[in-house]
Amino acid sequence: MSKVKKGSIKHLILQILSIAIAGMILWPLFDLIVCKIFTHTEFVYSVPEHVVEPITFGCILGIVFWVLDKKSKK
């Protein structure tokens, strides 16, 4: 595989995808733990909360990290 240079568009896309996928895995697990241990409520999986929010968060955080990488490179 070829290396992806920091600050490139490929780097931005990889950051967004990795953060979004990690969020879609970790956020429901964290929510399940909070529901079972702290609030004693039933865990309900919902697409807007457990899929759309991590994708949105991944896009925002990926862009922020990408901009910071580009500024630190200059």
PDB file of N, CA and C in Angstrom:
ATOM      1  N   MET A   1       0.837  -1.188   0.000  1.00  0.00           N
ATOM      2  CA  MET A   1       0.000   0.000   0.000  1.00  0.00           C
ATOM      3  C   MET A   1       0.881   1.251   0.000  1.00  0.00           C
ATOM      4  N   SER A   2       0.405   2.248  -0.655  1.00  0.00           N
ATOM      5  CA  SER A   2       1.151   3.503  -0.679  1.00  0.00           C
ATOM      6  C   SER A   2       0.858   4.314   0.576  1.00  0.00           C
ATOM      7  N   LYS A   3       1.817   5.118   0.939  1.00  0.00           N
ATOM      8  CA  LYS A   3       1.621   5.972   2.110  1.00  0.00           C
ATOM      9  C   LYS A   3       0.713   7.132   1.751  1.00  0.00           C
ATOM     10  N   VAL A   4      -0.060   7.560   2.716  1.00  0.00           N
ATOM     11  CA  VAL A   4      -0.933   8.722   2.541  1.00  0.00           C
ATOM     12  C   VAL A   4      -0.282   9.889   3.260  1.00  0.00           C
ATOM     13  N   LYS A   5      -0.019  10.965   2.531  1.00  0.00           N
ATOM     14  CA  LYS A   5       0.637  12.127   3.121  1.00  0.00           C
ATOM     15  C   LYS A   5      -0.327  12.885   4.017  1.00  0.00           C
ATOM     16  N   LYS A   6       0.180  13.350   5.134  1.00  0.00           N
ATOM     17  CA  LYS A   6      -0.626  14.177   6.032  1.00  0.00           C
ATOM     18  C   LYS A   6      -1.002  15.465   5.323  1.00  0.00           C
ATOM     19  N   GLY A   7      -2.243  15.861   5.492  1.00  0.00           N
ATOM     20  CA  GLY A   7      -2.713  17.099   4.885  1.00  0.00           C
ATOM     21  C   GLY A   7      -3.318  16.901   3.513  1.00  0.00           C
ATOM     22  N   SER A   8      -3.298  15.678   2.987  1.00  0.00           N
ATOM     23  CA  SER A   8      -3.890  15.442   1.673  1.00  0.00           C
ATOM     24  C   SER A   8      -5.382  15.130   1.823  1.00  0.00           C
ATOM     25  N   ILE A   9      -6.076  15.151   0.704  1.00  0.00           N
ATOM     26  CA  ILE A   9      -7.509  14.851   0.718  1.00  0.00           C
ATOM     27  C   ILE A   9      -7.748  13.392   1.108  1.00  0.00           C
ATOM     28  N   LYS A  10      -6.861  12.498   0.679  1.00  0.00           N
ATOM     29  CA  LYS A  10      -6.981  11.088   1.072  1.00  0.00           C
ATOM     30  C   LYS A  10      -6.870  10.941   2.583  1.00  0.00           C
ATOM     31  N   HIS A  11      -5.976  11.721   3.166  1.00  0.00           N
ATOM     32  CA  HIS A  11      -5.803  11.694   4.620  1.00  0.00           C
ATOM     33  C   HIS A  11      -7.085  12.169   5.314  1.00  0.00           C
ATOM     34  N   LEU A  12      -7.707  13.208   4.767  1.00  0.00           N
ATOM     35  CA  LEU A  12      -8.958  13.715   5.319  1.00  0.00           C
ATOM     36  C   LEU A  12     -10.044  12.647   5.261  1.00  0.00           C
ATOM     37  N   ILE A  13     -10.181  11.990   4.126  1.00  0.00           N
ATOM     38  CA  ILE A  13     -11.218  10.969   3.969  1.00  0.00           C
ATOM     39  C   ILE A  13     -10.963   9.795   4.909  1.00  0.00           C
ATOM     40  N   LEU A  14      -9.719   9.378   5.031  1.00  0.00           N
ATOM     41  CA  LEU A  14      -9.394   8.280   5.946  1.00  0.00           C
ATOM     42  C   LEU A  14      -9.669   8.653   7.404  1.00  0.00           C
ATOM     43  N   GLN A  15      -9.371   9.884   7.766  1.00  0.00           N
ATOM     44  CA  GLN A  15      -9.660  10.329   9.135  1.00  0.00           C
ATOM     45  C   GLN A  15     -11.158  10.322   9.403  1.00  0.00           C
ATOM     46  N   ILE A  16     -11.930  10.865   8.480  1.00  0.00           N
ATOM     47  CA  ILE A  16     -13.377  10.917   8.667  1.00  0.00           C
ATOM     48  C   ILE A  16     -13.943   9.505   8.782  1.00  0.00           C
ATOM     49  N   LEU A  17     -13.531   8.613   7.888  1.00  0.00           N
ATOM     50  CA  LEU A  17     -14.039   7.242   7.927  1.00  0.00           C
ATOM     51  C   LEU A  17     -13.647   6.514   9.209  1.00  0.00           C
ATOM     52  N   SER A  18     -12.408   6.648   9.623  1.00  0.00           N
ATOM     53  CA  SER A  18     -11.964   5.931  10.820  1.00  0.00           C
ATOM     54  C   SER A  18     -12.647   6.462  12.080  1.00  0.00           C
ATOM     55  N   ILE A  19     -12.804   7.760  12.190  1.00  0.00           N
ATOM     56  CA  ILE A  19     -13.477   8.322  13.365  1.00  0.00           C
ATOM     57  C   ILE A  19     -14.954   7.940  13.367  1.00  0.00           C
ATOM     58  N   ALA A  20     -15.596   7.971  12.203  1.00  0.00           N
ATOM     59  CA  ALA A  20     -17.013   7.622  12.120  1.00  0.00           C
ATOM     60  C   ALA A  20     -17.242   6.146  12.443  1.00  0.00           C
ATOM     61  N   ILE A  21     -16.400   5.266  11.931  1.00  0.00           N
ATOM     62  CA  ILE A  21     -16.558   3.835  12.209  1.00  0.00           C
ATOM     63  C   ILE A  21     -16.293   3.542  13.679  1.00  0.00           C
ATOM     64  N   ALA A  22     -15.264   4.138  14.233  1.00  0.00           N
ATOM     65  CA  ALA A  22     -14.986   3.951  15.661  1.00  0.00           C
ATOM     66  C   ALA A  22     -16.146   4.478  16.500  1.00  0.00           C
ATOM     67  N   GLY A  23     -16.724   5.594  16.090  1.00  0.00           N
ATOM     68  CA  GLY A  23     -17.863   6.144  16.814  1.00  0.00           C
ATOM     69  C   GLY A  23     -19.088   5.251  16.734  1.00  0.00           C
ATOM     70  N   MET A  24     -19.321   4.643  15.564  1.00  0.00           N
ATOM     71  CA  MET A  24     -20.480   3.755  15.425  1.00  0.00           C
ATOM     72  C   MET A  24     -20.304   2.467  16.218  1.00  0.00           C
ATOM     73  N   ILE A  25     -19.085   2.110  16.545  1.00  0.00           N
ATOM     74  CA  ILE A  25     -18.847   0.924  17.372  1.00  0.00           C
ATOM     75  C   ILE A  25     -18.861   1.286  18.849  1.00  0.00           C
ATOM     76  N   LEU A  26     -18.161   2.349  19.211  1.00  0.00           N
ATOM     77  CA  LEU A  26     -17.987   2.684  20.624  1.00  0.00           C
ATOM     78  C   LEU A  26     -19.192   3.380  21.256  1.00  0.00           C
ATOM     79  N   TRP A  27     -19.898   4.240  20.507  1.00  0.00           N
ATOM     80  CA  TRP A  27     -21.003   4.987  21.095  1.00  0.00           C
ATOM     81  C   TRP A  27     -22.134   4.084  21.586  1.00  0.00           C
ATOM     82  N   PRO A  28     -22.599   3.088  20.791  1.00  0.00           N
ATOM     83  CA  PRO A  28     -23.632   2.198  21.327  1.00  0.00           C
ATOM     84  C   PRO A  28     -23.154   1.379  22.527  1.00  0.00           C
ATOM     85  N   LEU A  29     -21.884   0.965  22.523  1.00  0.00           N
ATOM     86  CA  LEU A  29     -21.361   0.233  23.670  1.00  0.00           C
ATOM     87  C   LEU A  29     -21.348   1.101  24.927  1.00  0.00           C
ATOM     88  N   PHE A  30     -20.908   2.338  24.771  1.00  0.00           N
ATOM     89  CA  PHE A  30     -20.919   3.265  25.903  1.00  0.00           C
ATOM     90  C   PHE A  30     -22.347   3.515  26.381  1.00  0.00           C
ATOM     91  N   ASP A  31     -23.276   3.693  25.441  1.00  0.00           N
ATOM     92  CA  ASP A  31     -24.676   3.919  25.789  1.00  0.00           C
ATOM     93  C   ASP A  31     -25.265   2.705  26.498  1.00  0.00           C
ATOM     94  N   LEU A  32     -24.913   1.500  26.052  1.00  0.00           N
ATOM     95  CA  LEU A  32     -25.384   0.276  26.695  1.00  0.00           C
ATOM     96  C   LEU A  32     -24.895   0.193  28.134  1.00  0.00           C
ATOM     97  N   ILE A  33     -23.618   0.512  28.345  1.00  0.00           N
ATOM     98  CA  ILE A  33     -23.061   0.470  29.700  1.00  0.00           C
ATOM     99  C   ILE A  33     -23.748   1.486  30.605  1.00  0.00           C
ATOM    100  N   VAL A  34     -23.975   2.687  30.100  1.00  0.00           N
ATOM    101  CA  VAL A  34     -24.652   3.714  30.903  1.00  0.00           C
ATOM    102  C   VAL A  34     -26.070   3.280  31.241  1.00  0.00           C
ATOM    103  N   CYS A  35     -26.781   2.720  30.266  1.00  0.00           N
ATOM    104  CA  CYS A  35     -28.164   2.292  30.504  1.00  0.00           C
ATOM    105  C   CYS A  35     -28.240   1.162  31.526  1.00  0.00           C
ATOM    106  N   LYS A  36     -27.365   0.195  31.423  1.00  0.00           N
ATOM    107  CA  LYS A  36     -27.425  -0.972  32.306  1.00  0.00           C
ATOM    108  C   LYS A  36     -26.873  -0.712  33.696  1.00  0.00           C
ATOM    109  N   ILE A  37     -25.796   0.054  33.798  1.00  0.00           N
ATOM    110  CA  ILE A  37     -25.129   0.212  35.092  1.00  0.00           C
ATOM    111  C   ILE A  37     -25.621   1.434  35.857  1.00  0.00           C
ATOM    112  N   PHE A  38     -25.748   2.575  35.186  1.00  0.00           N
ATOM    113  CA  PHE A  38     -26.029   3.810  35.904  1.00  0.00           C
ATOM    114  C   PHE A  38     -27.509   4.171  35.947  1.00  0.00           C
ATOM    115  N   THR A  39     -28.204   4.098  34.829  1.00  0.00           N
ATOM    116  CA  THR A  39     -29.600   4.554  34.813  1.00  0.00           C
ATOM    117  C   THR A  39     -30.609   3.430  34.968  1.00  0.00           C
ATOM    118  N   HIS A  40     -30.171   2.183  34.823  1.00  0.00           N
ATOM    119  CA  HIS A  40     -31.046   1.004  34.931  1.00  0.00           C
ATOM    120  C   HIS A  40     -32.262   1.094  34.014  1.00  0.00           C
ATOM    121  N   THR A  41     -32.036   1.585  32.812  1.00  0.00           N
ATOM    122  CA  THR A  41     -33.100   1.649  31.820  1.00  0.00           C
ATOM    123  C   THR A  41     -32.800   0.660  30.702  1.00  0.00           C
ATOM    124  N   GLU A  42     -33.793   0.450  29.855  1.00  0.00           N
ATOM    125  CA  GLU A  42     -33.621  -0.469  28.740  1.00  0.00           C
ATOM    126  C   GLU A  42     -32.851   0.215  27.620  1.00  0.00           C
ATOM    127  N   PHE A  43     -31.907  -0.512  27.040  1.00  0.00           N
ATOM    128  CA  PHE A  43     -31.132   0.017  25.930  1.00  0.00           C
ATOM    129  C   PHE A  43     -31.937  -0.160  24.645  1.00  0.00           C
ATOM    130  N   VAL A  44     -32.101   0.925  23.906  1.00  0.00           N
ATOM    131  CA  VAL A  44     -32.810   0.887  22.634  1.00  0.00           C
ATOM    132  C   VAL A  44     -31.887   1.457  21.570  1.00  0.00           C
ATOM    133  N   TYR A  45     -31.598   0.636  20.551  1.00  0.00           N
ATOM    134  CA  TYR A  45     -30.736   1.061  19.454  1.00  0.00           C
ATOM    135  C   TYR A  45     -31.562   1.876  18.474  1.00  0.00           C
ATOM    136  N   SER A  46     -31.088   3.076  18.153  1.00  0.00           N
ATOM    137  CA  SER A  46     -31.797   3.905  17.181  1.00  0.00           C
ATOM    138  C   SER A  46     -30.793   4.400  16.140  1.00  0.00           C
ATOM    139  N   VAL A  47     -31.221   4.394  14.896  1.00  0.00           N
ATOM    140  CA  VAL A  47     -30.340   4.803  13.800  1.00  0.00           C
ATOM    141  C   VAL A  47     -29.917   6.266  13.929  1.00  0.00           C
ATOM    142  N   PRO A  48     -30.829   7.206  14.199  1.00  0.00           N
ATOM    143  CA  PRO A  48     -30.362   8.601  14.293  1.00  0.00           C
ATOM    144  C   PRO A  48     -29.319   8.815  15.392  1.00  0.00           C
ATOM    145  N   GLU A  49     -29.492   8.130  16.511  1.00  0.00           N
ATOM    146  CA  GLU A  49     -28.584   8.358  17.629  1.00  0.00           C
ATOM    147  C   GLU A  49     -27.283   7.567  17.511  1.00  0.00           C
ATOM    148  N   HIS A  50     -27.339   6.352  17.009  1.00  0.00           N
ATOM    149  CA  HIS A  50     -26.165   5.489  17.024  1.00  0.00           C
ATOM    150  C   HIS A  50     -25.471   5.350  15.678  1.00  0.00           C
ATOM    151  N   VAL A  51     -26.022   5.946  14.613  1.00  0.00           N
ATOM    152  CA  VAL A  51     -25.363   5.906  13.311  1.00  0.00           C
ATOM    153  C   VAL A  51     -25.119   7.326  12.787  1.00  0.00           C
ATOM    154  N   VAL A  52     -26.169   8.141  12.773  1.00  0.00           N
ATOM    155  CA  VAL A  52     -26.060   9.485  12.185  1.00  0.00           C
ATOM    156  C   VAL A  52     -25.173  10.392  13.033  1.00  0.00           C
ATOM    157  N   GLU A  53     -25.336  10.365  14.341  1.00  0.00           N
ATOM    158  CA  GLU A  53     -24.513  11.213  15.210  1.00  0.00           C
ATOM    159  C   GLU A  53     -23.018  10.888  15.111  1.00  0.00           C
ATOM    160  N   PRO A  54     -22.594   9.605  15.143  1.00  0.00           N
ATOM    161  CA  PRO A  54     -21.161   9.339  14.981  1.00  0.00           C
ATOM    162  C   PRO A  54     -20.618   9.743  13.608  1.00  0.00           C
ATOM    163  N   ILE A  55     -21.431   9.606  12.550  1.00  0.00           N
ATOM    164  CA  ILE A  55     -20.973  10.029  11.225  1.00  0.00           C
ATOM    165  C   ILE A  55     -20.792  11.542  11.198  1.00  0.00           C
ATOM    166  N   THR A  56     -21.745  12.276  11.760  1.00  0.00           N
ATOM    167  CA  THR A  56     -21.639  13.732  11.826  1.00  0.00           C
ATOM    168  C   THR A  56     -20.432  14.148  12.664  1.00  0.00           C
ATOM    169  N   PHE A  57     -20.263  13.518  13.805  1.00  0.00           N
ATOM    170  CA  PHE A  57     -19.128  13.807  14.675  1.00  0.00           C
ATOM    171  C   PHE A  57     -17.815  13.475  13.976  1.00  0.00           C
ATOM    172  N   GLY A  58     -17.782  12.358  13.238  1.00  0.00           N
ATOM    173  CA  GLY A  58     -16.580  11.976  12.503  1.00  0.00           C
ATOM    174  C   GLY A  58     -16.212  12.986  11.433  1.00  0.00           C
ATOM    175  N   CYS A  59     -17.220  13.509  10.733  1.00  0.00           N
ATOM    176  CA  CYS A  59     -16.965  14.522   9.705  1.00  0.00           C
ATOM    177  C   CYS A  59     -16.395  15.795  10.321  1.00  0.00           C
ATOM    178  N   ILE A  60     -17.013  16.257  11.370  1.00  0.00           N
ATOM    179  CA  ILE A  60     -16.571  17.502  12.013  1.00  0.00           C
ATOM    180  C   ILE A  60     -15.168  17.333  12.603  1.00  0.00           C
ATOM    181  N   LEU A  61     -14.964  16.260  13.354  1.00  0.00           N
ATOM    182  CA  LEU A  61     -13.674  16.052  14.009  1.00  0.00           C
ATOM    183  C   LEU A  61     -12.576  15.757  12.989  1.00  0.00           C
ATOM    184  N   GLY A  62     -12.894  15.023  11.937  1.00  0.00           N
ATOM    185  CA  GLY A  62     -11.915  14.753  10.889  1.00  0.00           C
ATOM    186  C   GLY A  62     -11.459  16.022  10.203  1.00  0.00           C
ATOM    187  N   ILE A  63     -12.393  16.923   9.909  1.00  0.00           N
ATOM    188  CA  ILE A  63     -12.049  18.200   9.275  1.00  0.00           C
ATOM    189  C   ILE A  63     -11.209  19.062  10.209  1.00  0.00           C
ATOM    190  N   VAL A  64     -11.563  19.081  11.483  1.00  0.00           N
ATOM    191  CA  VAL A  64     -10.798  19.870  12.454  1.00  0.00           C
ATOM    192  C   VAL A  64      -9.366  19.351  12.552  1.00  0.00           C
ATOM    193  N   PHE A  65      -9.205  18.029  12.680  1.00  0.00           N
ATOM    194  CA  PHE A  65      -7.856  17.456  12.751  1.00  0.00           C
ATOM    195  C   PHE A  65      -7.080  17.707  11.470  1.00  0.00           C
ATOM    196  N   TRP A  66      -7.742  17.618  10.324  1.00  0.00           N
ATOM    197  CA  TRP A  66      -7.093  17.837   9.038  1.00  0.00           C
ATOM    198  C   TRP A  66      -6.600  19.276   8.914  1.00  0.00           C
ATOM    199  N   VAL A  67      -7.421  20.245   9.329  1.00  0.00           N
ATOM    200  CA  VAL A  67      -7.024  21.653   9.278  1.00  0.00           C
ATOM    201  C   VAL A  67      -5.855  21.906  10.225  1.00  0.00           C
ATOM    202  N   LEU A  68      -5.904  21.315  11.407  1.00  0.00           N
ATOM    203  CA  LEU A  68      -4.792  21.483  12.349  1.00  0.00           C
ATOM    204  C   LEU A  68      -3.512  20.868  11.802  1.00  0.00           C
ATOM    205  N   ASP A  69      -3.610  19.719  11.124  1.00  0.00           N
ATOM    206  CA  ASP A  69      -2.427  19.117  10.511  1.00  0.00           C
ATOM    207  C   ASP A  69      -1.858  20.003   9.416  1.00  0.00           C
ATOM    208  N   LYS A  70      -2.731  20.581   8.604  1.00  0.00           N
ATOM    209  CA  LYS A  70      -2.255  21.443   7.516  1.00  0.00           C
ATOM    210  C   LYS A  70      -1.582  22.695   8.075  1.00  0.00           C
ATOM    211  N   LYS A  71      -2.146  23.273   9.155  1.00  0.00           N
ATOM    212  CA  LYS A  71      -1.544  24.474   9.736  1.00  0.00           C
ATOM    213  C   LYS A  71      -0.222  24.160  10.406  1.00  0.00           C
ATOM    214  N   SER A  72      -0.103  23.015  11.051  1.00  0.00           N
ATOM    215  CA  SER A  72       1.151  22.669  11.720  1.00  0.00           C
ATOM    216  C   SER A  72       2.237  22.301  10.712  1.00  0.00           C
ATOM    217  N   LYS A  73       1.845  21.892   9.525  1.00  0.00           N
ATOM    218  CA  LYS A  73       2.814  21.549   8.489  1.00  0.00           C
ATOM    219  C   LYS A  73       3.471  22.793   7.903  1.00  0.00           C
ATOM    220  N   LYS A  74       2.776  23.929   7.911  1.00  0.00           N
ATOM    221  CA  LYS A  74       3.316  25.170   7.336  1.00  0.00           C
ATOM    222  C   LYS A  74       4.329  25.791   8.214  1.00  0.00           C
TER     223      LYS A  74
END
